[in-house]
Structure formats: structure tokens, C-alpha cells
Amino acid sequence: MYSLSDFDFDLPQDLIAQTPLAERSASRLLHVAPDKMIDRNFADIVDLLSPGDLLVFNDTRVLKARFFGVKETGGKVEVLIERVVDARNVHAQIRASKSPVAGMQIRLADAFDVTVGERVGEFYELQFPDDVFELIEAHGRLPLPPYIEHAADAYDETRYQTVYAKTPGAVAAPTAGLHFDQALLDALTAKGVKLAYVTLHVGAGTFQPVRNENLAEHNMHSEWYTISQQTVDVVQATQAAGGNIVAVGTTSMRALESASQSGVLQAGSADTRLFITPGYTFKTVTRLITNFHLPKSTLLMLVSAFAGYDTIRAAYQHAISQRYRFFSYGDAMFLTRMPSC
């Protein structure tokens, strides 16, 4: 049994990438092979995949989910939308010197008023006066991760989205996908690698560290996903032909594994609180492309479960010694599932 302390590590501050590289596919790729670490360029992913393998991408699109506003009492607030519930309602985090109460009006971005509803766990219900997505796109700000120290600008608005982002609803990017540009996707397709898509709307909880030393006591954050029958069909055809199911990012993996809890991947939509730690038996994914994750995070636990705890510890030590760039705008790893998983 592992505890929280087992997933801590020291990371030099200057290895946290603050800006993306000029070219998406120019990042580095640490190929974690069964018996060695191989330093590659991300574009080498074409050589690491075989015709008939399947890449599964998360096509969520990041919302401009951060707002600054003023309560009707005059107090300043910061709002981070966590989830769009329907066309007029959201769940959101609200930071203020004094908690708002139900029925209160908040003016956002000096442009429109929202009405505070009831608490939903750590979030508040907010009612918008018009279409949520239109108001968010027109007046919101892109919510960069807390470890990125600059305010989001127009460059971030392009680069903190994948080139295939389609379905709005996330408050954080599925960052492994940020390395793919259209030329790389075309090269993969030309080789005979298949592409499929799921949607998982990444929540702000993805950045929250686990605080319980006993991992069994951790309350996993919830995220919404959907998987189409078309994606299920291509996954099953790939499996039948002996190809690899390659998740592009931990969010794609989380969607696939959440929908495979019966033992077989099933189409549908649901909320997931799946918490993957060492000892978990993977049901669908056989390869993983992922960035480097925060200490004590659920994502570090997930990759440790997938590739092996000792393997990931060694990979992170190697990445630090070779000065790989970490986190959302950083470099990536290519991992193989442990045989026992």
C-alpha cells in the first residue's frame, strides 16, 4: 500500500514551463521503455506507433472561465466556472472576503449580472441572464493553471487549446494533446495510425493536491465525460486486430477506463470519480502519452499505476536531471502499461 508521501518529489522551480514552445511538436519526449529511458523529440511519436494502433484524444475545449466582478454590496470577487449545467446555469468557485448568499447579484466583467443560488459542495450555483457559452466567450478570461505566473494573453488563448478542440466545457486543457499539430496528425494518419475522440471536461480539481496521507480517504473530484458508439467500435476493432489503444493524456485514459468498469468499453455519458492508484487493473488502455505531473497529485498516482511506481520515479529523476520542462506547457512521456496491469 502506498501513502501520499510516496508521491512527493523535489522539482526545481525553473523547470516549470511558463510559456509554450513556438512549435507544438518541437517539445521533447521521454520514451520510457521497459529497460531504459530514451530521450526523443515529440515528433518521434510517429516512429513509436504502428499501423493499426489507435490514438484516443480528448476533444474538450477550454472555456474562458475566469471572471472578476463586484458583489451588490461592493465587495470584489473572483469567479472560476467549474461546470456548465445548462444554457443559463453554472457551478462555480467564488473567492471573496465574505461568502455570497443565495439571491445576491454579482456583476461580472463590468458587463452583466449573475444571481447566486445554493451551494453545491464547494461550488455555488450561478444563474446567467443569457446564453452561458456566449457570455463566457465574450467576457471571460482563459484560466491558466495556478503555477503559470503570467496572465493569459491572446497567444495563450490559441496555445492552451488543442488543435482539435471541439466541445466547450473544460477549465483546464488536456495538455498531452497540446503537442500535436495538424502536420503531425497527418503524418500519423498517413502511417496507418487511427484517430478517435472522447470528451472529458477537465475540472479545476485536476490541480488540487491530495491532502490525506491515507489515499483511501481522498475525495476524488468529479468530471463529466462522453464516449460515442463510433469510438467504442474503433477501439474494439483495434483490440480485435491486436493494435494498441494509446490514450493521449490522462483525461482520455480516465474517460476510457471509467467507461470500461464492466470489463468492456461502453458508449455513454456520465460523471466519473475514478481514482486510479497502484494496484488498479487497466481494462482498455495499453499505451499513454502524458506530460509530467505535480507532486502528490492524483495524476502522478495514475501514471505510477500504469507504468509502475519504480519506473515513474526513475523517469521523473531522469527528466529532472536532463532538464525536461514540466507541467502544462512542458514536455511529454510515452509510457507502456505494466504487464501485470
Protein backbone atom coordinates (compact mmCIF):
# COMPACT_ATOMS: atom_id res chain seq x y z
CA MET A 1 0.00 0.00 0.00
CA TYR A 2 1.29 3.43 -0.94
CA SER A 3 0.70 6.63 1.00
CA LEU A 4 0.72 10.28 -0.02
CA SER A 5 4.38 10.81 0.88
CA ASP A 6 5.38 8.21 -1.70
CA PHE A 7 4.27 10.59 -4.47
CA ASP A 8 6.25 13.64 -3.42
CA PHE A 9 9.37 14.85 -5.22
CA ASP A 10 11.53 17.95 -5.35
CA LEU A 11 11.26 19.94 -8.57
CA PRO A 12 13.48 22.92 -9.36
CA GLN A 13 11.21 25.92 -9.91
CA ASP A 14 12.90 26.83 -13.16
CA LEU A 15 11.77 23.55 -14.75
CA ILE A 16 8.10 24.59 -14.58
CA ALA A 17 7.35 25.72 -18.15
CA GLN A 18 5.82 29.19 -18.17
CA THR A 19 5.26 29.52 -21.92
CA PRO A 20 4.77 27.04 -24.76
CA LEU A 21 7.41 26.42 -27.39
CA ALA A 22 6.98 28.23 -30.70
CA GLU A 23 6.20 24.94 -32.44
CA ARG A 24 3.80 22.47 -30.82
CA SER A 25 5.57 19.28 -31.89
CA ALA A 26 9.05 20.64 -31.06
CA SER A 27 8.82 19.59 -27.41
CA ARG A 28 10.84 16.71 -26.00
CA LEU A 29 9.52 13.20 -25.46
CA LEU A 30 10.87 10.84 -22.81
CA HIS A 31 10.32 7.33 -24.12
CA VAL A 32 10.08 5.15 -21.01
CA ALA A 33 10.97 1.74 -22.42
CA PRO A 34 10.78 -1.43 -20.28
CA ASP A 35 14.51 -1.39 -19.51
CA LYS A 36 15.76 2.12 -20.33
CA MET A 37 14.98 5.82 -20.80
CA ILE A 38 15.31 7.23 -24.31
CA ASP A 39 15.41 10.99 -24.92
CA ARG A 40 13.48 11.83 -28.08
CA ASN A 41 11.69 14.66 -29.83
CA PHE A 42 7.90 14.64 -29.70
CA ALA A 43 7.63 14.22 -33.47
CA ASP A 44 9.26 10.81 -32.99
CA ILE A 45 5.87 9.58 -31.77
CA VAL A 46 5.22 8.62 -35.41
CA ASP A 47 8.06 6.09 -35.20
CA LEU A 48 6.85 4.69 -31.87
CA LEU A 49 3.40 3.76 -33.18
CA SER A 50 2.49 1.04 -35.67
CA PRO A 51 -0.10 0.91 -38.43
CA GLY A 52 -3.36 -0.20 -36.84
CA ASP A 53 -2.64 1.41 -33.47
CA LEU A 54 -5.32 3.81 -32.21
CA LEU A 55 -4.73 7.24 -30.68
CA VAL A 56 -7.62 8.42 -28.49
CA PHE A 57 -7.81 12.20 -28.00
CA ASN A 58 -9.91 14.32 -25.64
CA ASP A 59 -11.69 16.93 -27.79
CA THR A 60 -12.84 19.15 -24.91
CA ARG A 61 -12.41 22.89 -25.40
CA VAL A 62 -11.24 25.17 -22.59
CA LEU A 63 -13.71 27.86 -21.58
CA LYS A 64 -12.75 31.44 -20.78
CA ALA A 65 -13.95 30.50 -17.34
CA ARG A 66 -12.32 33.14 -15.09
CA PHE A 67 -14.17 36.34 -14.22
CA PHE A 68 -13.53 39.27 -11.92
CA GLY A 69 -16.55 41.02 -10.53
CA VAL A 70 -18.25 43.04 -7.82
CA LYS A 71 -20.99 41.99 -5.41
CA GLU A 72 -24.00 44.25 -5.00
CA THR A 73 -22.51 45.20 -1.62
CA GLY A 74 -19.39 46.50 -3.39
CA GLY A 75 -17.03 43.68 -2.42
CA LYS A 76 -14.70 42.32 -5.10
CA VAL A 77 -14.96 38.68 -6.19
CA GLU A 78 -13.16 36.24 -8.45
CA VAL A 79 -15.27 33.58 -10.14
CA LEU A 80 -13.99 30.38 -11.76
CA ILE A 81 -16.65 28.41 -13.57
CA GLU A 82 -16.26 24.71 -12.88
CA ARG A 83 -19.14 23.27 -14.88
CA VAL A 84 -21.82 24.46 -17.27
CA VAL A 85 -25.06 22.87 -16.07
CA ASP A 86 -27.35 24.11 -18.85
CA ALA A 87 -27.85 27.14 -21.11
CA ARG A 88 -28.31 29.58 -18.19
CA ASN A 89 -26.70 27.92 -15.14
CA VAL A 90 -23.21 27.03 -13.96
CA HIS A 91 -21.42 25.75 -10.90
CA ALA A 92 -18.51 27.97 -9.92
CA GLN A 93 -15.86 28.66 -7.32
CA ILE A 94 -16.16 32.12 -5.80
CA ARG A 95 -13.32 33.84 -3.98
CA ALA A 96 -14.40 36.80 -1.87
CA SER A 97 -13.59 38.35 1.51
CA LYS A 98 -17.10 37.33 2.62
CA SER A 99 -19.06 34.44 1.15
CA PRO A 100 -22.01 35.46 -1.05
CA VAL A 101 -25.53 34.39 -0.10
CA ALA A 102 -28.33 32.95 -2.22
CA GLY A 103 -30.19 35.61 -4.17
CA MET A 104 -27.25 38.03 -4.28
CA GLN A 105 -26.38 39.71 -7.57
CA ILE A 106 -22.80 39.78 -8.81
CA ARG A 107 -21.67 41.99 -11.68
CA LEU A 108 -19.11 40.13 -13.81
CA ALA A 109 -16.51 41.77 -16.07
CA ASP A 110 -18.50 45.02 -15.72
CA ALA A 111 -20.76 43.56 -18.41
CA PHE A 112 -23.63 41.50 -16.95
CA ASP A 113 -25.17 40.34 -13.66
CA VAL A 114 -25.48 36.79 -12.37
CA THR A 115 -27.63 35.59 -9.48
CA VAL A 116 -26.12 33.43 -6.74
CA GLY A 117 -28.03 30.22 -6.00
CA GLU A 118 -27.47 27.45 -3.48
CA ARG A 119 -24.18 25.86 -2.52
CA VAL A 120 -23.30 22.61 -4.31
CA GLY A 121 -20.49 21.19 -2.22
CA GLU A 122 -17.55 23.57 -2.62
CA PHE A 123 -19.24 25.37 -5.54
CA TYR A 124 -22.04 27.91 -5.96
CA GLU A 125 -24.88 27.82 -8.42
CA LEU A 126 -24.86 30.91 -10.64
CA GLN A 127 -27.71 31.89 -12.95
CA PHE A 128 -26.71 33.80 -16.09
CA PRO A 129 -29.03 36.32 -17.80
CA ASP A 130 -28.44 34.89 -21.26
CA ASP A 131 -26.64 32.03 -23.06
CA VAL A 132 -23.78 30.88 -20.84
CA PHE A 133 -21.36 29.97 -23.63
CA GLU A 134 -21.85 33.26 -25.47
CA LEU A 135 -21.27 35.35 -22.33
CA ILE A 136 -18.23 33.29 -21.31
CA GLU A 137 -16.64 33.61 -24.75
CA ALA A 138 -17.35 37.35 -24.97
CA HIS A 139 -16.32 38.43 -21.46
CA GLY A 140 -14.35 35.70 -19.67
CA ARG A 141 -10.62 35.16 -19.32
CA LEU A 142 -8.71 31.96 -20.02
CA PRO A 143 -7.93 30.22 -16.69
CA LEU A 144 -4.26 29.28 -16.90
CA PRO A 145 -3.02 26.81 -14.26
CA PRO A 146 -2.00 28.29 -10.88
CA TYR A 147 1.70 27.56 -11.42
CA ILE A 148 1.84 29.69 -14.58
CA GLU A 149 2.75 33.14 -13.38
CA HIS A 150 1.59 35.41 -16.21
CA ALA A 151 -1.94 36.45 -17.07
CA ALA A 152 -3.42 34.76 -20.11
CA ASP A 153 -2.94 36.69 -23.34
CA ALA A 154 -4.02 36.19 -26.95
CA TYR A 155 -1.15 33.74 -27.55
CA ASP A 156 -2.29 31.59 -24.64
CA GLU A 157 -5.83 31.62 -25.99
CA THR A 158 -4.53 29.77 -29.03
CA ARG A 159 -1.81 27.62 -27.49
CA TYR A 160 -3.73 26.50 -24.39
CA GLN A 161 -6.19 24.75 -26.72
CA THR A 162 -5.54 21.61 -28.72
CA VAL A 163 -5.79 21.98 -32.49
CA TYR A 164 -8.74 19.57 -32.46
CA ALA A 165 -10.62 21.17 -29.53
CA LYS A 166 -14.31 20.96 -30.32
CA THR A 167 -16.66 20.59 -27.34
CA PRO A 168 -16.60 23.55 -24.89
CA GLY A 169 -16.74 22.76 -21.18
CA ALA A 170 -13.25 22.39 -19.64
CA VAL A 171 -11.50 24.79 -17.28
CA ALA A 172 -8.10 23.20 -17.93
CA ALA A 173 -6.57 21.87 -21.13
CA PRO A 174 -5.92 18.18 -21.81
CA THR A 175 -2.25 19.08 -22.04
CA ALA A 176 -0.76 15.97 -23.67
CA GLY A 177 -2.74 16.96 -26.75
CA LEU A 178 -1.06 20.36 -26.95
CA HIS A 179 1.98 18.72 -28.62
CA PHE A 180 0.03 17.69 -31.72
CA ASP A 181 -0.18 19.99 -34.73
CA GLN A 182 -2.05 19.23 -37.95
CA ALA A 183 1.12 18.16 -39.77
CA LEU A 184 1.84 15.56 -37.08
CA LEU A 185 -1.74 14.27 -37.15
CA ASP A 186 -1.48 13.97 -40.94
CA ALA A 187 1.80 12.04 -40.64
CA LEU A 188 0.24 9.62 -38.17
CA THR A 189 -2.77 9.06 -40.41
CA ALA A 190 -0.51 8.51 -43.43
CA LYS A 191 1.32 5.80 -41.49
CA GLY A 192 -1.95 3.97 -40.81
CA VAL A 193 -2.43 5.04 -37.19
CA LYS A 194 -6.13 5.52 -36.44
CA LEU A 195 -7.56 8.52 -34.54
CA ALA A 196 -10.61 8.59 -32.27
CA TYR A 197 -12.08 11.06 -29.81
CA VAL A 198 -13.73 11.16 -26.41
CA THR A 199 -14.83 14.18 -24.40
CA LEU A 200 -13.93 14.74 -20.75
CA HIS A 201 -14.40 18.24 -19.39
CA VAL A 202 -11.34 18.79 -17.20
CA GLY A 203 -12.18 20.48 -13.90
CA ALA A 204 -10.10 22.72 -11.66
CA GLY A 205 -9.83 19.79 -9.25
CA THR A 206 -7.15 18.36 -11.52
CA PHE A 207 -4.68 20.84 -9.95
CA GLN A 208 -5.60 20.07 -6.35
CA PRO A 209 -3.03 18.04 -4.40
CA VAL A 210 -4.16 15.06 -2.38
CA ARG A 211 -4.06 16.03 1.30
CA ASN A 212 -4.81 12.74 3.07
CA GLU A 213 -1.76 10.61 3.83
CA ASN A 214 -4.09 7.62 3.59
CA LEU A 215 -5.07 7.62 -0.09
CA ALA A 216 -8.27 5.71 0.64
CA GLU A 217 -9.57 8.82 2.44
CA HIS A 218 -9.18 11.09 -0.60
CA ASN A 219 -12.42 12.52 -2.03
CA MET A 220 -11.84 12.42 -5.78
CA HIS A 221 -13.18 15.35 -7.82
CA SER A 222 -15.91 14.66 -10.35
CA GLU A 223 -15.61 15.22 -14.11
CA TRP A 224 -18.14 14.66 -16.90
CA TYR A 225 -17.28 12.52 -19.93
CA THR A 226 -18.96 11.10 -23.00
CA ILE A 227 -17.88 8.34 -25.38
CA SER A 228 -19.65 7.72 -28.68
CA GLN A 229 -20.54 4.36 -30.13
CA GLN A 230 -18.28 5.21 -33.07
CA THR A 231 -15.29 5.45 -30.71
CA VAL A 232 -16.27 2.22 -28.96
CA ASP A 233 -16.45 0.45 -32.32
CA VAL A 234 -12.99 1.57 -33.44
CA VAL A 235 -11.49 0.68 -30.02
CA GLN A 236 -12.95 -2.81 -30.20
CA ALA A 237 -11.84 -3.28 -33.82
CA THR A 238 -8.31 -2.21 -32.85
CA GLN A 239 -8.26 -4.62 -29.92
CA ALA A 240 -9.51 -7.48 -32.10
CA ALA A 241 -6.71 -6.79 -34.60
CA GLY A 242 -4.04 -6.69 -31.86
CA GLY A 243 -3.35 -2.97 -32.05
CA ASN A 244 -2.53 -0.71 -29.13
CA ILE A 245 -5.05 1.65 -27.55
CA VAL A 246 -2.98 4.79 -26.95
CA ALA A 247 -4.55 7.38 -24.66
CA VAL A 248 -3.43 10.93 -25.41
CA GLY A 249 -3.33 12.26 -21.88
CA THR A 250 -4.64 11.15 -18.52
CA THR A 251 -8.05 12.65 -19.27
CA SER A 252 -8.55 10.41 -22.29
CA MET A 253 -7.41 7.48 -20.18
CA ARG A 254 -9.76 8.42 -17.36
CA ALA A 255 -12.71 8.55 -19.76
CA LEU A 256 -11.83 5.23 -21.38
CA GLU A 257 -11.23 3.44 -18.09
CA SER A 258 -14.33 4.94 -16.47
CA ALA A 259 -16.42 3.60 -19.33
CA SER A 260 -14.75 0.18 -19.07
CA GLN A 261 -15.61 -0.66 -15.47
CA SER A 262 -17.85 -3.52 -16.60
CA GLY A 263 -14.78 -5.03 -18.24
CA VAL A 264 -15.79 -3.89 -21.73
CA LEU A 265 -15.79 -0.31 -23.07
CA GLN A 266 -19.32 1.05 -23.33
CA ALA A 267 -20.69 4.15 -25.03
CA GLY A 268 -22.47 6.79 -22.97
CA SER A 269 -22.12 9.86 -20.78
CA ALA A 270 -21.58 10.04 -17.04
CA ASP A 271 -19.78 11.75 -14.19
CA THR A 272 -16.67 9.96 -13.06
CA ARG A 273 -14.84 9.99 -9.75
CA LEU A 274 -12.49 7.18 -10.78
CA PHE A 275 -9.32 7.39 -8.67
CA ILE A 276 -6.57 5.29 -10.22
CA THR A 277 -3.74 4.30 -7.88
CA PRO A 278 -1.14 1.49 -7.98
CA GLY A 279 -2.93 -1.83 -7.91
CA TYR A 280 -5.63 -0.77 -10.35
CA THR A 281 -6.24 -3.20 -13.24
CA PHE A 282 -6.44 -1.35 -16.56
CA LYS A 283 -9.14 -2.57 -18.88
CA THR A 284 -8.68 -0.72 -22.18
CA VAL A 285 -5.58 1.49 -22.46
CA THR A 286 -2.22 -0.12 -23.34
CA ARG A 287 -0.05 2.96 -24.07
CA LEU A 288 -0.11 6.52 -22.70
CA ILE A 289 1.21 9.87 -23.88
CA THR A 290 1.30 12.29 -20.95
CA ASN A 291 3.02 15.39 -19.61
CA PHE A 292 4.86 15.49 -16.27
CA HIS A 293 2.57 15.95 -13.28
CA LEU A 294 2.52 17.78 -9.95
CA PRO A 295 3.89 16.19 -6.77
CA LYS A 296 1.23 14.48 -4.62
CA SER A 297 -1.31 14.70 -7.46
CA THR A 298 -3.88 12.12 -8.50
CA LEU A 299 -2.35 12.19 -11.99
CA LEU A 300 1.08 11.19 -10.70
CA MET A 301 -0.62 8.29 -8.93
CA LEU A 302 -2.40 7.34 -12.16
CA VAL A 303 0.79 7.14 -14.24
CA SER A 304 2.50 5.23 -11.42
CA ALA A 305 -0.32 2.70 -11.54
CA PHE A 306 0.02 2.41 -15.31
CA ALA A 307 3.78 2.13 -15.84
CA GLY A 308 4.88 1.07 -12.36
CA TYR A 309 5.79 3.09 -9.30
CA ASP A 310 9.55 2.49 -9.54
CA THR A 311 9.54 3.14 -13.27
CA ILE A 312 7.86 6.51 -12.86
CA ARG A 313 10.17 7.52 -10.00
CA ALA A 314 13.14 6.73 -12.23
CA ALA A 315 11.59 8.55 -15.19
CA TYR A 316 10.99 11.72 -13.17
CA GLN A 317 14.53 11.63 -11.76
CA HIS A 318 15.84 11.28 -15.31
CA ALA A 319 13.62 14.10 -16.57
CA ILE A 320 14.81 16.44 -13.82
CA SER A 321 18.47 15.60 -14.40
CA GLN A 322 18.06 16.15 -18.15
CA ARG A 323 16.12 19.37 -17.55
CA TYR A 324 12.85 18.45 -19.20
CA ARG A 325 10.15 21.10 -18.98
CA PHE A 326 7.33 20.24 -16.55
CA PHE A 327 3.55 20.58 -16.34
CA SER A 328 1.01 22.02 -18.81
CA TYR A 329 3.35 23.82 -21.21
CA GLY A 330 6.13 21.29 -20.70
CA ASP A 331 7.43 18.14 -22.35
CA ALA A 332 5.88 14.67 -22.54
CA MET A 333 6.43 10.98 -21.81
CA PHE A 334 5.48 7.86 -23.76
CA LEU A 335 4.55 5.03 -21.39
CA THR A 336 3.74 1.33 -21.77
CA ARG A 337 1.36 -0.45 -19.43
CA MET A 338 2.95 -2.81 -16.96
CA PRO A 339 2.23 -6.45 -17.90
CA SER A 340 0.58 -7.08 -14.53
CA CYS A 341 -1.87 -4.20 -15.10
